[in-house]
Protein backbone atom coordinates (compact mmCIF):
# COMPACT_ATOMS: atom_id res chain seq x y z
CA MET A 1 7.61 14.18 -22.66
CA THR A 2 5.36 12.93 -19.00
CA ILE A 3 2.68 10.72 -19.58
CA LYS A 4 0.63 10.22 -17.05
CA LEU A 5 -1.84 7.06 -16.03
CA ALA A 6 -5.43 7.31 -17.79
CA ASN A 7 -8.81 6.59 -16.50
CA THR A 8 -7.34 5.91 -12.78
CA PRO A 9 -10.13 6.45 -9.86
CA LEU A 10 -9.66 9.60 -7.56
CA ILE A 11 -10.22 8.55 -3.72
CA GLU A 12 -11.36 11.57 -1.72
CA THR A 13 -11.98 11.59 2.29
CA GLU A 14 -12.38 13.63 4.98
CA ARG A 15 -8.68 15.10 4.94
CA LEU A 16 -6.96 12.81 1.81
CA ASN A 17 -6.89 12.53 -1.40
CA LEU A 18 -5.98 8.71 -3.18
CA ARG A 19 -4.94 9.09 -6.50
CA ALA A 20 -2.80 6.72 -8.79
CA PRO A 21 0.91 7.82 -9.36
CA HIS A 22 2.48 9.85 -11.61
CA ALA A 23 6.09 10.69 -12.11
CA GLY A 24 5.96 13.64 -9.95
CA ASP A 25 6.41 11.19 -6.93
CA VAL A 26 9.46 9.48 -7.84
CA ASP A 27 11.31 11.59 -5.57
CA ALA A 28 9.48 11.50 -2.90
CA ALA A 29 8.93 7.84 -3.41
CA LEU A 30 12.95 7.43 -3.68
CA ASP A 31 13.92 8.83 -0.43
CA PHE A 32 11.93 6.41 1.37
CA LEU A 33 12.33 3.74 0.03
CA VAL A 34 16.92 4.46 0.65
CA SER A 35 16.38 4.23 4.07
CA ASP A 36 15.66 2.39 7.03
CA ARG A 37 12.29 3.89 6.99
CA ALA A 38 11.36 1.10 4.53
CA ARG A 39 12.82 -2.08 5.94
CA PHE A 40 10.41 -3.61 6.79
CA ILE A 41 8.83 -4.06 3.00
CA GLY A 42 12.69 -5.31 1.33
CA GLY A 43 14.72 -1.57 2.02
CA PRO A 44 16.70 -0.44 2.56
CA TYR A 45 17.68 -0.22 -1.47
CA THR A 46 20.08 1.56 -3.40
CA ARG A 47 18.24 4.22 -5.95
CA ASP A 48 18.20 1.48 -8.87
CA GLY A 49 16.30 -0.57 -6.80
CA ALA A 50 14.26 1.89 -6.08
CA TRP A 51 13.13 3.16 -8.99
CA ARG A 52 13.08 -0.41 -9.99
CA ASN A 53 10.30 -0.26 -7.06
CA MET A 54 8.51 2.50 -8.38
CA GLY A 55 8.65 1.36 -11.59
CA ASN A 56 6.46 -1.81 -9.76
CA LEU A 57 3.94 0.27 -8.50
CA ILE A 58 3.33 2.23 -11.49
CA GLY A 59 3.51 -0.85 -13.62
CA HIS A 60 1.26 -2.59 -11.47
CA TRP A 61 -1.60 0.33 -12.23
CA VAL A 62 -0.94 -1.00 -15.98
CA MET A 63 -1.20 -4.28 -15.73
CA ARG A 64 -3.82 -5.04 -13.21
CA GLY A 65 -5.87 -1.19 -13.86
CA TYR A 66 -5.55 -0.94 -9.86
CA GLY A 67 -2.88 -0.64 -7.45
CA LEU A 68 -1.11 1.08 -4.89
CA PHE A 69 -2.89 5.04 -4.68
CA VAL A 70 -0.58 7.62 -4.02
CA VAL A 71 -1.80 9.89 -0.17
CA THR A 72 -1.54 13.77 -0.27
CA GLU A 73 -3.15 15.73 2.16
CA LYS A 74 -6.27 17.09 0.52
CA GLY A 75 -5.01 20.97 -0.99
CA SER A 76 -1.52 19.47 -1.69
CA ASP A 77 -0.21 17.34 -4.35
CA HIS A 78 2.94 15.86 -2.22
CA PRO A 79 3.07 12.59 -1.78
CA LEU A 80 2.22 11.21 1.41
CA GLY A 81 2.98 7.46 0.50
CA GLY A 82 1.77 4.82 -0.96
CA ILE A 83 -1.54 1.91 -0.64
CA GLY A 84 -3.95 0.00 -1.98
CA PRO A 85 -4.94 -3.06 -3.68
CA TRP A 86 -2.64 -4.54 -4.17
CA TYR A 87 -1.64 -8.57 -6.46
CA PRO A 88 2.06 -9.46 -7.84
CA GLU A 89 1.96 -12.55 -10.07
CA SER A 90 3.68 -14.46 -7.14
CA TRP A 91 1.29 -13.47 -4.72
CA THR A 92 -0.84 -15.81 -2.99
CA ASP A 93 -3.66 -13.67 -2.26
CA ARG A 94 -4.85 -9.74 -2.92
CA GLU A 95 -3.71 -7.14 0.02
CA ILE A 96 -4.56 -5.05 0.76
CA GLY A 97 -0.67 -3.36 1.06
CA TRP A 98 0.66 0.63 1.91
CA SER A 99 3.32 2.50 3.40
CA MET A 100 3.61 6.25 4.79
CA TRP A 101 7.18 7.55 3.19
CA SER A 102 6.43 11.19 4.27
CA PRO A 103 8.19 10.93 8.90
CA GLU A 104 5.53 13.81 8.92
CA ALA A 105 2.69 11.78 7.87
CA GLU A 106 3.37 9.30 10.58
CA GLY A 107 1.16 9.41 13.74
CA LYS A 108 -1.82 11.57 11.96
CA GLY A 109 -3.85 8.36 11.85
CA TYR A 110 -4.11 8.95 7.12
CA ALA A 111 -2.63 5.34 6.73
CA PHE A 112 -5.41 4.16 8.69
CA GLU A 113 -8.29 6.69 6.74
CA ALA A 114 -6.38 6.49 3.85
CA ALA A 115 -5.95 1.59 4.17
CA GLN A 116 -10.17 1.65 5.13
CA ALA A 117 -11.70 3.67 1.78
CA ALA A 118 -8.51 1.39 -0.54
CA ARG A 119 -9.74 -1.58 1.23
CA ALA A 120 -13.61 -0.18 0.41
CA TYR A 121 -12.46 0.71 -3.02
CA ALA A 122 -11.00 -2.87 -3.84
CA TYR A 123 -14.57 -4.58 -2.07
CA ASP A 124 -17.04 -2.02 -3.86
CA ASN A 125 -15.50 -1.34 -7.28
CA LEU A 126 -13.00 -4.14 -8.19
CA GLY A 127 -15.78 -6.61 -6.55
CA TRP A 128 -13.34 -8.55 -3.89
CA THR A 129 -14.64 -9.96 -0.96
CA THR A 130 -11.76 -10.74 1.13
CA ALA A 131 -8.25 -9.62 1.13
CA ILE A 132 -5.08 -9.72 3.43
CA SER A 133 -1.91 -7.96 4.30
CA TYR A 134 1.42 -8.76 4.88
CA ILE A 135 3.61 -7.68 7.20
CA ASP A 136 6.48 -7.93 9.10
CA PRO A 137 6.64 -9.05 12.06
CA GLU A 138 9.06 -6.35 14.00
CA ASN A 139 6.80 -3.45 11.97
CA GLU A 140 4.86 -2.24 15.13
CA ARG A 141 3.19 0.73 13.18
CA SER A 142 1.84 -1.51 11.03
CA ILE A 143 0.53 -4.51 13.03
CA ALA A 144 -1.68 -1.50 15.05
CA LEU A 145 -3.13 -0.52 12.08
CA ALA A 146 -4.16 -4.21 10.34
CA MET A 147 -5.77 -4.78 14.26
CA ARG A 148 -7.04 -1.55 14.18
CA MET A 149 -9.05 -2.30 10.97
CA GLY A 150 -10.28 -4.91 11.92
CA CYS A 151 -7.75 -7.51 10.77
CA THR A 152 -6.60 -10.05 12.09
CA LEU A 153 -3.68 -12.96 12.39
CA ASP A 154 -3.87 -15.49 9.64
CA GLU A 155 -1.44 -18.10 11.04
CA GLY A 156 -2.47 -20.70 8.64
CA PHE A 157 -1.31 -18.65 4.94
CA PRO A 158 1.78 -18.54 2.84
CA TYR A 159 3.33 -16.22 2.40
CA PRO A 160 4.87 -15.51 -0.67
CA ASP A 161 8.05 -17.99 -2.14
CA LEU A 162 10.31 -14.79 -2.32
CA ASP A 163 13.62 -14.76 0.17
CA GLY A 164 13.52 -13.30 3.20
CA TRP A 165 9.46 -13.39 4.00
CA GLU A 166 10.06 -16.34 6.20
CA GLY A 167 8.13 -15.54 9.59
CA THR A 168 5.98 -12.17 7.50
CA LEU A 169 2.86 -12.54 9.38
CA VAL A 170 -0.39 -12.83 7.32
CA PHE A 171 -3.92 -10.62 8.44
CA ARG A 172 -6.41 -11.34 7.38
CA HIS A 173 -9.33 -8.30 6.78
CA PRO A 174 -12.83 -8.30 7.71
CA SER A 175 -15.09 -9.92 4.19
CA ALA A 176 -16.49 -7.30 2.02
CA GLY A 177 -19.99 -6.17 4.42
CA VAL A 178 -18.83 -7.07 7.44
CA PRO A 179 -17.88 -3.60 10.09
CA ALA A 180 -14.45 -3.97 10.91
């Protein structure tokens, strides 16, 4: 028996759906997490570590009532990535996080479209007034996305007290109601 998260929102954009994760997403997420493509978010993981990471993604929804949405193209339920509001216990502020799991989804503006919608959801529905994004300094694509979203480098903001986070960049999103 597969249990699905109940009463979770569905966000629709022009080309995409953003929905809560479910068991059918695990294989796509694991393929990404065990690959070198996950190097900017702590990977590559072992398969067991990747499975636990996916459990964290789903558990965040249960513990916080929100979390990273799984991004799919309209008309398909194939997961392309995870994007959305994220606030683990050790984080120093609320984050809009993103990772595109499918290399075929890159370069199409999907991450921008989904991240804009997820940030609007966090501001409009969760009452957030600001957010950050933690980005590895070598992750040029994520830095470009943050800049395109109107984020600014927040050099004095602390990152979580976790091994391997030294040097992580913190990008501050524009405040709610401020055009990006």
